């Protein structure tokens, strides 16, 4: 099963309309899962009061947040 289909049951916070990981540790754990699946480096970045996942995939910067208990690509988080 893809990491993007797996449920995210970690604590989250909402900042400027984006649901983010509440803790850096949880975000780092998910970053490692995404990195393994996409075979690229994935980092975590503090955005407001929470944490998002960041990577460059096919030359394009990407940010992932949580939406409906799943990882979701964000066009907004910065």
PDB file of N, CA and C in Angstrom:
ATOM      1  N   UNK A   1       0.850  -1.178   0.000  1.00  0.00           N
ATOM      2  CA  UNK A   1       0.000   0.000   0.000  1.00  0.00           C
ATOM      3  C   UNK A   1       0.895   1.240   0.000  1.00  0.00           C
ATOM      4  N   UNK A   2       0.521   2.202  -0.770  1.00  0.00           N
ATOM      5  CA  UNK A   2       1.243   3.471  -0.850  1.00  0.00           C
ATOM      6  C   UNK A   2       1.141   4.216   0.475  1.00  0.00           C
ATOM      7  N   UNK A   3       2.209   4.885   0.845  1.00  0.00           N
ATOM      8  CA  UNK A   3       2.197   5.716   2.047  1.00  0.00           C
ATOM      9  C   UNK A   3       1.129   6.808   1.932  1.00  0.00           C
ATOM     10  N   UNK A   4       0.795   7.208   0.724  1.00  0.00           N
ATOM     11  CA  UNK A   4      -0.203   8.254   0.526  1.00  0.00           C
ATOM     12  C   UNK A   4      -1.634   7.745   0.741  1.00  0.00           C
ATOM     13  N   UNK A   5      -1.805   6.433   0.801  1.00  0.00           N
ATOM     14  CA  UNK A   5      -3.121   5.853   1.071  1.00  0.00           C
ATOM     15  C   UNK A   5      -3.265   5.455   2.538  1.00  0.00           C
ATOM     16  N   UNK A   6      -2.162   5.464   3.276  1.00  0.00           N
ATOM     17  CA  UNK A   6      -2.183   5.069   4.684  1.00  0.00           C
ATOM     18  C   UNK A   6      -2.795   6.180   5.540  1.00  0.00           C
ATOM     19  N   UNK A   7      -3.578   5.793   6.552  1.00  0.00           N
ATOM     20  CA  UNK A   7      -4.175   6.807   7.418  1.00  0.00           C
ATOM     21  C   UNK A   7      -3.135   7.472   8.321  1.00  0.00           C
ATOM     22  N   UNK A   8      -3.305   8.758   8.514  1.00  0.00           N
ATOM     23  CA  UNK A   8      -2.454   9.532   9.422  1.00  0.00           C
ATOM     24  C   UNK A   8      -3.249   9.726  10.710  1.00  0.00           C
ATOM     25  N   UNK A   9      -2.847   9.012  11.756  1.00  0.00           N
ATOM     26  CA  UNK A   9      -3.550   9.128  13.029  1.00  0.00           C
ATOM     27  C   UNK A   9      -2.768   9.964  14.039  1.00  0.00           C
ATOM     28  N   UNK A  10      -1.704  10.626  13.586  1.00  0.00           N
ATOM     29  CA  UNK A  10      -0.921  11.479  14.468  1.00  0.00           C
ATOM     30  C   UNK A  10      -1.668  12.780  14.742  1.00  0.00           C
ATOM     31  N   UNK A  11      -1.334  13.430  15.851  1.00  0.00           N
ATOM     32  CA  UNK A  11      -1.964  14.699  16.211  1.00  0.00           C
ATOM     33  C   UNK A  11      -1.632  15.761  15.166  1.00  0.00           C
ATOM     34  N   UNK A  12      -2.612  16.588  14.858  1.00  0.00           N
ATOM     35  CA  UNK A  12      -2.428  17.651  13.880  1.00  0.00           C
ATOM     36  C   UNK A  12      -2.906  18.984  14.455  1.00  0.00           C
ATOM     37  N   UNK A  13      -2.490  20.058  13.820  1.00  0.00           N
ATOM     38  CA  UNK A  13      -2.956  21.406  14.139  1.00  0.00           C
ATOM     39  C   UNK A  13      -3.349  22.069  12.822  1.00  0.00           C
ATOM     40  N   UNK A  14      -4.233  23.042  12.897  1.00  0.00           N
ATOM     41  CA  UNK A  14      -4.627  23.779  11.699  1.00  0.00           C
ATOM     42  C   UNK A  14      -4.006  25.164  11.783  1.00  0.00           C
ATOM     43  N   UNK A  15      -3.281  25.518  10.732  1.00  0.00           N
ATOM     44  CA  UNK A  15      -2.644  26.830  10.643  1.00  0.00           C
ATOM     45  C   UNK A  15      -2.933  27.398   9.263  1.00  0.00           C
ATOM     46  N   UNK A  16      -3.577  28.545   9.245  1.00  0.00           N
ATOM     47  CA  UNK A  16      -3.963  29.208   7.991  1.00  0.00           C
ATOM     48  C   UNK A  16      -4.664  28.250   7.023  1.00  0.00           C
ATOM     49  N   UNK A  17      -5.574  27.448   7.547  1.00  0.00           N
ATOM     50  CA  UNK A  17      -6.376  26.555   6.724  1.00  0.00           C
ATOM     51  C   UNK A  17      -5.705  25.248   6.336  1.00  0.00           C
ATOM     52  N   UNK A  18      -4.459  25.045   6.754  1.00  0.00           N
ATOM     53  CA  UNK A  18      -3.732  23.819   6.423  1.00  0.00           C
ATOM     54  C   UNK A  18      -3.641  22.943   7.662  1.00  0.00           C
ATOM     55  N   UNK A  19      -3.937  21.660   7.528  1.00  0.00           N
ATOM     56  CA  UNK A  19      -3.789  20.720   8.629  1.00  0.00           C
ATOM     57  C   UNK A  19      -2.351  20.194   8.591  1.00  0.00           C
ATOM     58  N   UNK A  20      -1.613  20.456   9.652  1.00  0.00           N
ATOM     59  CA  UNK A  20      -0.201  20.121   9.727  1.00  0.00           C
ATOM     60  C   UNK A  20       0.051  19.151  10.882  1.00  0.00           C
ATOM     61  N   UNK A  21       1.169  18.452  10.813  1.00  0.00           N
ATOM     62  CA  UNK A  21       1.561  17.606  11.930  1.00  0.00           C
ATOM     63  C   UNK A  21       1.825  18.496  13.136  1.00  0.00           C
ATOM     64  N   UNK A  22       1.338  18.073  14.308  1.00  0.00           N
ATOM     65  CA  UNK A  22       1.543  18.853  15.523  1.00  0.00           C
ATOM     66  C   UNK A  22       2.985  18.738  16.006  1.00  0.00           C
ATOM     67  N   UNK A  23       3.559  17.559  15.898  1.00  0.00           N
ATOM     68  CA  UNK A  23       4.908  17.337  16.403  1.00  0.00           C
ATOM     69  C   UNK A  23       5.923  17.072  15.311  1.00  0.00           C
ATOM     70  N   UNK A  24       7.148  17.518  15.553  1.00  0.00           N
ATOM     71  CA  UNK A  24       8.236  17.305  14.595  1.00  0.00           C
ATOM     72  C   UNK A  24       8.545  15.815  14.442  1.00  0.00           C
ATOM     73  N   UNK A  25       8.474  15.069  15.549  1.00  0.00           N
ATOM     74  CA  UNK A  25       8.777  13.635  15.501  1.00  0.00           C
ATOM     75  C   UNK A  25       7.839  12.875  14.578  1.00  0.00           C
ATOM     76  N   UNK A  26       6.548  13.151  14.672  1.00  0.00           N
ATOM     77  CA  UNK A  26       5.573  12.486  13.804  1.00  0.00           C
ATOM     78  C   UNK A  26       5.825  12.860  12.346  1.00  0.00           C
ATOM     79  N   UNK A  27       6.088  14.145  12.103  1.00  0.00           N
ATOM     80  CA  UNK A  27       6.362  14.592  10.729  1.00  0.00           C
ATOM     81  C   UNK A  27       7.604  13.899  10.186  1.00  0.00           C
ATOM     82  N   UNK A  28       8.643  13.760  11.018  1.00  0.00           N
ATOM     83  CA  UNK A  28       9.879  13.116  10.583  1.00  0.00           C
ATOM     84  C   UNK A  28       9.642  11.648  10.231  1.00  0.00           C
ATOM     85  N   UNK A  29       8.820  10.966  11.022  1.00  0.00           N
ATOM     86  CA  UNK A  29       8.493   9.565  10.742  1.00  0.00           C
ATOM     87  C   UNK A  29       7.813   9.430   9.382  1.00  0.00           C
ATOM     88  N   UNK A  30       6.859  10.321   9.097  1.00  0.00           N
ATOM     89  CA  UNK A  30       6.174  10.290   7.802  1.00  0.00           C
ATOM     90  C   UNK A  30       7.111  10.694   6.678  1.00  0.00           C
ATOM     91  N   UNK A  31       8.016  11.636   6.947  1.00  0.00           N
ATOM     92  CA  UNK A  31       8.985  12.041   5.929  1.00  0.00           C
ATOM     93  C   UNK A  31       9.854  10.862   5.509  1.00  0.00           C
ATOM     94  N   UNK A  32      10.242  10.043   6.470  1.00  0.00           N
ATOM     95  CA  UNK A  32      11.054   8.865   6.163  1.00  0.00           C
ATOM     96  C   UNK A  32      10.278   7.869   5.295  1.00  0.00           C
ATOM     97  N   UNK A  33       8.995   7.699   5.572  1.00  0.00           N
ATOM     98  CA  UNK A  33       8.151   6.798   4.776  1.00  0.00           C
ATOM     99  C   UNK A  33       8.014   7.308   3.341  1.00  0.00           C
ATOM    100  N   UNK A  34       7.770   8.611   3.206  1.00  0.00           N
ATOM    101  CA  UNK A  34       7.627   9.206   1.870  1.00  0.00           C
ATOM    102  C   UNK A  34       8.945   9.122   1.111  1.00  0.00           C
ATOM    103  N   UNK A  35      10.047   9.396   1.790  1.00  0.00           N
ATOM    104  CA  UNK A  35      11.369   9.331   1.157  1.00  0.00           C
ATOM    105  C   UNK A  35      11.648   7.940   0.610  1.00  0.00           C
ATOM    106  N   UNK A  36      11.285   6.935   1.362  1.00  0.00           N
ATOM    107  CA  UNK A  36      11.495   5.553   0.925  1.00  0.00           C
ATOM    108  C   UNK A  36      10.651   5.249  -0.316  1.00  0.00           C
ATOM    109  N   UNK A  37       9.394   5.676  -0.285  1.00  0.00           N
ATOM    110  CA  UNK A  37       8.507   5.388  -1.417  1.00  0.00           C
ATOM    111  C   UNK A  37       8.912   6.149  -2.676  1.00  0.00           C
ATOM    112  N   UNK A  38       9.273   7.415  -2.524  1.00  0.00           N
ATOM    113  CA  UNK A  38       9.599   8.245  -3.688  1.00  0.00           C
ATOM    114  C   UNK A  38      11.076   8.200  -4.067  1.00  0.00           C
ATOM    115  N   UNK A  39      11.875   7.568  -3.216  1.00  0.00           N
ATOM    116  CA  UNK A  39      13.320   7.458  -3.432  1.00  0.00           C
ATOM    117  C   UNK A  39      13.956   8.830  -3.634  1.00  0.00           C
ATOM    118  N   UNK A  40      13.635   9.743  -2.715  1.00  0.00           N
ATOM    119  CA  UNK A  40      14.210  11.083  -2.720  1.00  0.00           C
ATOM    120  C   UNK A  40      14.267  11.592  -1.290  1.00  0.00           C
ATOM    121  N   UNK A  41      15.070  12.609  -1.050  1.00  0.00           N
ATOM    122  CA  UNK A  41      15.166  13.192   0.283  1.00  0.00           C
ATOM    123  C   UNK A  41      13.901  13.976   0.603  1.00  0.00           C
ATOM    124  N   UNK A  42      13.351  13.742   1.783  1.00  0.00           N
ATOM    125  CA  UNK A  42      12.173  14.466   2.251  1.00  0.00           C
ATOM    126  C   UNK A  42      12.526  15.056   3.612  1.00  0.00           C
ATOM    127  N   UNK A  43      12.268  16.328   3.782  1.00  0.00           N
ATOM    128  CA  UNK A  43      12.562  17.006   5.034  1.00  0.00           C
ATOM    129  C   UNK A  43      11.263  17.467   5.683  1.00  0.00           C
ATOM    130  N   UNK A  44      11.377  17.938   6.920  1.00  0.00           N
ATOM    131  CA  UNK A  44      10.222  18.525   7.596  1.00  0.00           C
ATOM    132  C   UNK A  44      10.508  20.000   7.820  1.00  0.00           C
ATOM    133  N   UNK A  45       9.473  20.799   7.737  1.00  0.00           N
ATOM    134  CA  UNK A  45       9.626  22.244   7.895  1.00  0.00           C
ATOM    135  C   UNK A  45       8.513  22.781   8.773  1.00  0.00           C
ATOM    136  N   UNK A  46       8.894  23.632   9.704  1.00  0.00           N
ATOM    137  CA  UNK A  46       7.923  24.282  10.580  1.00  0.00           C
ATOM    138  C   UNK A  46       7.168  25.337   9.776  1.00  0.00           C
ATOM    139  N   UNK A  47       5.853  25.252   9.807  1.00  0.00           N
ATOM    140  CA  UNK A  47       4.997  26.240   9.160  1.00  0.00           C
ATOM    141  C   UNK A  47       4.009  26.691  10.226  1.00  0.00           C
ATOM    142  N   UNK A  48       4.160  27.899  10.697  1.00  0.00           N
ATOM    143  CA  UNK A  48       3.284  28.401  11.756  1.00  0.00           C
ATOM    144  C   UNK A  48       3.405  27.555  12.999  1.00  0.00           C
ATOM    145  N   UNK A  49       2.306  26.903  13.374  1.00  0.00           N
ATOM    146  CA  UNK A  49       2.272  26.103  14.599  1.00  0.00           C
ATOM    147  C   UNK A  49       2.435  24.608  14.358  1.00  0.00           C
ATOM    148  N   UNK A  50       2.712  24.215  13.128  1.00  0.00           N
ATOM    149  CA  UNK A  50       2.825  22.789  12.821  1.00  0.00           C
ATOM    150  C   UNK A  50       3.966  22.482  11.885  1.00  0.00           C
ATOM    151  N   UNK A  51       3.989  21.250  11.412  1.00  0.00           N
ATOM    152  CA  UNK A  51       5.071  20.746  10.570  1.00  0.00           C
ATOM    153  C   UNK A  51       4.521  20.144   9.283  1.00  0.00           C
ATOM    154  N   UNK A  52       5.207  20.407   8.170  1.00  0.00           N
ATOM    155  CA  UNK A  52       4.841  19.861   6.863  1.00  0.00           C
ATOM    156  C   UNK A  52       6.041  19.106   6.303  1.00  0.00           C
ATOM    157  N   UNK A  53       5.794  18.272   5.305  1.00  0.00           N
ATOM    158  CA  UNK A  53       6.851  17.527   4.630  1.00  0.00           C
ATOM    159  C   UNK A  53       7.231  18.276   3.361  1.00  0.00           C
ATOM    160  N   UNK A  54       8.528  18.290   3.035  1.00  0.00           N
ATOM    161  CA  UNK A  54       9.017  19.007   1.846  1.00  0.00           C
ATOM    162  C   UNK A  54       9.973  18.119   1.062  1.00  0.00           C
ATOM    163  N   UNK A  55       9.888  18.211  -0.255  1.00  0.00           N
ATOM    164  CA  UNK A  55      10.806  17.467  -1.121  1.00  0.00           C
ATOM    165  C   UNK A  55      10.804  18.100  -2.506  1.00  0.00           C
ATOM    166  N   UNK A  56      11.789  17.711  -3.295  1.00  0.00           N
ATOM    167  CA  UNK A  56      11.809  18.065  -4.707  1.00  0.00           C
ATOM    168  C   UNK A  56      11.632  16.769  -5.482  1.00  0.00           C
ATOM    169  N   UNK A  57      10.580  16.728  -6.288  1.00  0.00           N
ATOM    170  CA  UNK A  57      10.250  15.531  -7.065  1.00  0.00           C
ATOM    171  C   UNK A  57      10.192  15.935  -8.532  1.00  0.00           C
ATOM    172  N   UNK A  58      10.983  15.273  -9.360  1.00  0.00           N
ATOM    173  CA  UNK A  58      11.038  15.584 -10.784  1.00  0.00           C
ATOM    174  C   UNK A  58      11.312  17.067 -11.022  1.00  0.00           C
ATOM    175  N   UNK A  59      12.200  17.641 -10.196  1.00  0.00           N
ATOM    176  CA  UNK A  59      12.587  19.036 -10.350  1.00  0.00           C
ATOM    177  C   UNK A  59      11.592  20.047  -9.816  1.00  0.00           C
ATOM    178  N   UNK A  60      10.524  19.584  -9.202  1.00  0.00           N
ATOM    179  CA  UNK A  60       9.469  20.465  -8.709  1.00  0.00           C
ATOM    180  C   UNK A  60       9.385  20.381  -7.189  1.00  0.00           C
ATOM    181  N   UNK A  61       9.412  21.538  -6.511  1.00  0.00           N
ATOM    182  CA  UNK A  61       9.269  21.574  -5.058  1.00  0.00           C
ATOM    183  C   UNK A  61       7.858  21.153  -4.675  1.00  0.00           C
ATOM    184  N   UNK A  62       7.765  20.284  -3.674  1.00  0.00           N
ATOM    185  CA  UNK A  62       6.455  19.812  -3.216  1.00  0.00           C
ATOM    186  C   UNK A  62       6.362  19.900  -1.709  1.00  0.00           C
ATOM    187  N   UNK A  63       5.165  20.169  -1.234  1.00  0.00           N
ATOM    188  CA  UNK A  63       4.861  20.214   0.191  1.00  0.00           C
ATOM    189  C   UNK A  63       3.663  19.315   0.428  1.00  0.00           C
ATOM    190  N   UNK A  64       3.750  18.507   1.494  1.00  0.00           N
ATOM    191  CA  UNK A  64       2.621  17.660   1.869  1.00  0.00           C
ATOM    192  C   UNK A  64       2.151  18.015   3.258  1.00  0.00           C
ATOM    193  N   UNK A  65       0.835  18.043   3.418  1.00  0.00           N
ATOM    194  CA  UNK A  65       0.177  18.286   4.692  1.00  0.00           C
ATOM    195  C   UNK A  65      -0.799  17.132   4.907  1.00  0.00           C
ATOM    196  N   UNK A  66      -1.634  17.225   5.920  1.00  0.00           N
ATOM    197  CA  UNK A  66      -2.622  16.186   6.199  1.00  0.00           C
ATOM    198  C   UNK A  66      -3.987  16.696   5.766  1.00  0.00           C
ATOM    199  N   UNK A  67      -4.754  15.837   5.115  1.00  0.00           N
ATOM    200  CA  UNK A  67      -6.117  16.189   4.729  1.00  0.00           C
ATOM    201  C   UNK A  67      -6.952  14.927   4.823  1.00  0.00           C
ATOM    202  N   UNK A  68      -7.973  14.934   5.662  1.00  0.00           N
ATOM    203  CA  UNK A  68      -8.832  13.764   5.801  1.00  0.00           C
ATOM    204  C   UNK A  68      -8.069  12.515   6.225  1.00  0.00           C
ATOM    205  N   UNK A  69      -7.140  12.663   7.142  1.00  0.00           N
ATOM    206  CA  UNK A  69      -6.294  11.581   7.664  1.00  0.00           C
ATOM    207  C   UNK A  69      -5.432  10.921   6.594  1.00  0.00           C
ATOM    208  N   UNK A  70      -5.093  11.650   5.561  1.00  0.00           N
ATOM    209  CA  UNK A  70      -4.171  11.174   4.525  1.00  0.00           C
ATOM    210  C   UNK A  70      -3.190  12.294   4.201  1.00  0.00           C
ATOM    211  N   UNK A  71      -2.018  11.916   3.708  1.00  0.00           N
ATOM    212  CA  UNK A  71      -1.081  12.926   3.226  1.00  0.00           C
ATOM    213  C   UNK A  71      -1.648  13.520   1.957  1.00  0.00           C
ATOM    214  N   UNK A  72      -1.539  14.816   1.825  1.00  0.00           N
ATOM    215  CA  UNK A  72      -2.086  15.504   0.666  1.00  0.00           C
ATOM    216  C   UNK A  72      -1.104  16.580   0.225  1.00  0.00           C
ATOM    217  N   UNK A  73      -0.917  16.698  -1.049  1.00  0.00           N
ATOM    218  CA  UNK A  73      -0.039  17.737  -1.587  1.00  0.00           C
ATOM    219  C   UNK A  73      -0.679  19.093  -1.376  1.00  0.00           C
ATOM    220  N   UNK A  74       0.116  20.034  -0.914  1.00  0.00           N
ATOM    221  CA  UNK A  74      -0.396  21.375  -0.642  1.00  0.00           C
ATOM    222  C   UNK A  74       0.138  22.354  -1.672  1.00  0.00           C
ATOM    223  N   UNK A  75      -0.738  23.167  -2.184  1.00  0.00           N
ATOM    224  CA  UNK A  75      -0.321  24.234  -3.095  1.00  0.00           C
ATOM    225  C   UNK A  75      -0.079  25.517  -2.296  1.00  0.00           C
ATOM    226  N   UNK A  76      -0.584  25.544  -1.059  1.00  0.00           N
ATOM    227  CA  UNK A  76      -0.566  26.755  -0.261  1.00  0.00           C
ATOM    228  C   UNK A  76       0.628  26.823   0.683  1.00  0.00           C
ATOM    229  N   UNK A  77       0.928  25.745   1.409  1.00  0.00           N
ATOM    230  CA  UNK A  77       1.943  25.794   2.457  1.00  0.00           C
ATOM    231  C   UNK A  77       3.289  26.136   1.859  1.00  0.00           C
ATOM    232  N   UNK A  78       3.988  26.987   2.536  1.00  0.00           N
ATOM    233  CA  UNK A  78       5.095  27.532   1.952  1.00  0.00           C
ATOM    234  C   UNK A  78       6.454  27.274   2.146  1.00  0.00           C
TER     235      UNK A  78
END
